Amino acid sequence: MKSFVDTDTRTRQYEDVDVLTSTEEPCSLVVWNDDVNTFEWVIETLIEVCGHSEEQAEQCAMIIHTQGKYAVKHGLYEDLKPQCDAITERGIGATIEQKVES
């Protein structure tokens, strides 16, 4: 009777690997239309608070006016919260909403 003897002396190494199971949820800074604030004030606010160019701020203001709201910035909640607070302190309606991925 023949027996099989494994003479392979190689060793196997296993690595611990972290698997990404969740990510930080992206958020949107949404500015709301109203009948109180002027285009100029909203544009100035978007330039000063959000760092938009004049052209970008004008486009956002027009979309806010025609659509009722617009997501003017995207990012992490912690980054958007100070900007949202600064916008609302100027009397403009703004909220942070969690982006829904399709």
Protein backbone atom coordinates (compact mmCIF):
# COMPACT_ATOMS: atom_id res chain seq x y z
CA MET A 1 0.00 0.00 0.00
CA LYS A 2 1.34 3.37 -0.98
CA SER A 3 0.80 6.39 1.20
CA PHE A 4 0.81 9.98 0.11
CA VAL A 5 3.04 12.29 2.07
CA ASP A 6 2.79 15.97 1.45
CA THR A 7 6.33 17.32 1.33
CA ASP A 8 5.24 20.86 0.45
CA THR A 9 6.61 23.06 3.21
CA ARG A 10 5.35 26.38 1.84
CA THR A 11 3.22 28.41 4.18
CA ARG A 12 0.22 30.49 3.35
CA GLN A 13 -0.16 33.99 4.63
CA TYR A 14 -3.51 35.58 5.18
CA GLU A 15 -3.98 39.28 5.33
CA ASP A 16 -6.65 41.15 7.19
CA VAL A 17 -8.44 43.33 4.68
CA ASP A 18 -10.99 45.96 5.57
CA VAL A 19 -14.02 45.86 3.34
CA LEU A 20 -15.92 49.08 2.73
CA THR A 21 -19.43 48.46 3.97
CA SER A 22 -20.70 52.03 4.15
CA THR A 23 -19.62 55.49 3.16
CA GLU A 24 -20.28 58.95 4.44
CA GLU A 25 -23.63 59.96 3.03
CA PRO A 26 -23.31 62.92 0.69
CA CYS A 27 -25.51 65.92 1.43
CA SER A 28 -26.82 68.90 -0.47
CA LEU A 29 -27.09 72.50 0.70
CA VAL A 30 -30.50 73.58 -0.56
CA VAL A 31 -31.50 77.24 -0.83
CA TRP A 32 -35.22 78.01 -0.94
CA ASN A 33 -37.10 80.68 -2.87
CA ASP A 34 -39.10 83.33 -1.02
CA ASP A 35 -40.86 86.60 -1.75
CA VAL A 36 -38.65 88.64 0.57
CA ASN A 37 -35.02 88.46 -0.54
CA THR A 38 -33.80 90.12 -3.72
CA PHE A 39 -31.83 88.42 -6.46
CA GLU A 40 -28.91 90.70 -5.63
CA TRP A 41 -28.90 89.63 -1.97
CA VAL A 42 -29.08 85.92 -2.81
CA ILE A 43 -26.31 86.30 -5.41
CA GLU A 44 -24.10 88.24 -2.99
CA THR A 45 -24.70 85.59 -0.31
CA LEU A 46 -23.80 82.69 -2.61
CA ILE A 47 -20.60 84.46 -3.65
CA GLU A 48 -19.52 85.32 -0.11
CA VAL A 49 -20.68 82.21 1.75
CA CYS A 50 -20.36 79.43 -0.82
CA GLY A 51 -17.48 80.80 -2.88
CA HIS A 52 -19.45 80.82 -6.13
CA SER A 53 -18.40 82.93 -9.08
CA GLU A 54 -20.77 85.76 -9.99
CA GLU A 55 -22.02 83.82 -13.01
CA GLN A 56 -22.56 80.64 -11.00
CA ALA A 57 -24.39 82.56 -8.25
CA GLU A 58 -26.65 84.24 -10.83
CA GLN A 59 -27.51 80.89 -12.39
CA CYS A 60 -28.28 79.38 -8.97
CA ALA A 61 -30.48 82.36 -8.07
CA MET A 62 -32.47 81.98 -11.29
CA ILE A 63 -32.99 78.25 -10.69
CA ILE A 64 -34.03 78.93 -7.08
CA HIS A 65 -36.53 81.52 -8.34
CA THR A 66 -38.04 79.33 -11.06
CA GLN A 67 -37.91 75.92 -9.34
CA GLY A 68 -38.56 76.98 -5.76
CA LYS A 69 -35.31 75.54 -4.43
CA TYR A 70 -31.87 74.47 -5.63
CA ALA A 71 -28.95 72.47 -4.26
CA VAL A 72 -26.18 75.06 -4.45
CA LYS A 73 -23.45 72.88 -2.88
CA HIS A 74 -22.78 69.19 -2.28
CA GLY A 75 -20.54 67.60 0.32
CA LEU A 76 -20.35 66.26 3.83
CA TYR A 77 -22.76 67.53 6.46
CA GLU A 78 -19.91 68.86 8.61
CA ASP A 79 -18.65 70.99 5.72
CA LEU A 80 -22.08 72.30 4.67
CA LYS A 81 -23.47 73.09 8.14
CA PRO A 82 -21.49 76.34 8.68
CA GLN A 83 -22.48 77.55 5.21
CA CYS A 84 -26.13 76.72 5.84
CA ASP A 85 -26.02 78.63 9.13
CA ALA A 86 -24.39 81.65 7.46
CA ILE A 87 -27.07 81.71 4.74
CA THR A 88 -29.96 81.47 7.20
CA GLU A 89 -28.38 84.18 9.38
CA ARG A 90 -28.76 86.44 6.35
CA GLY A 91 -32.50 85.75 6.27
CA ILE A 92 -32.44 83.31 3.36
CA GLY A 93 -34.06 79.90 3.73
CA ALA A 94 -31.57 77.03 3.50
CA THR A 95 -31.50 73.40 4.58
CA ILE A 96 -29.16 70.45 4.37
CA GLU A 97 -30.65 67.38 2.76
CA GLN A 98 -29.23 63.91 2.34
CA LYS A 99 -28.69 63.14 -1.33
CA VAL A 100 -30.65 60.18 -2.57
CA GLU A 101 -28.66 58.03 -4.97
CA SER A 102 -30.70 56.35 -7.71
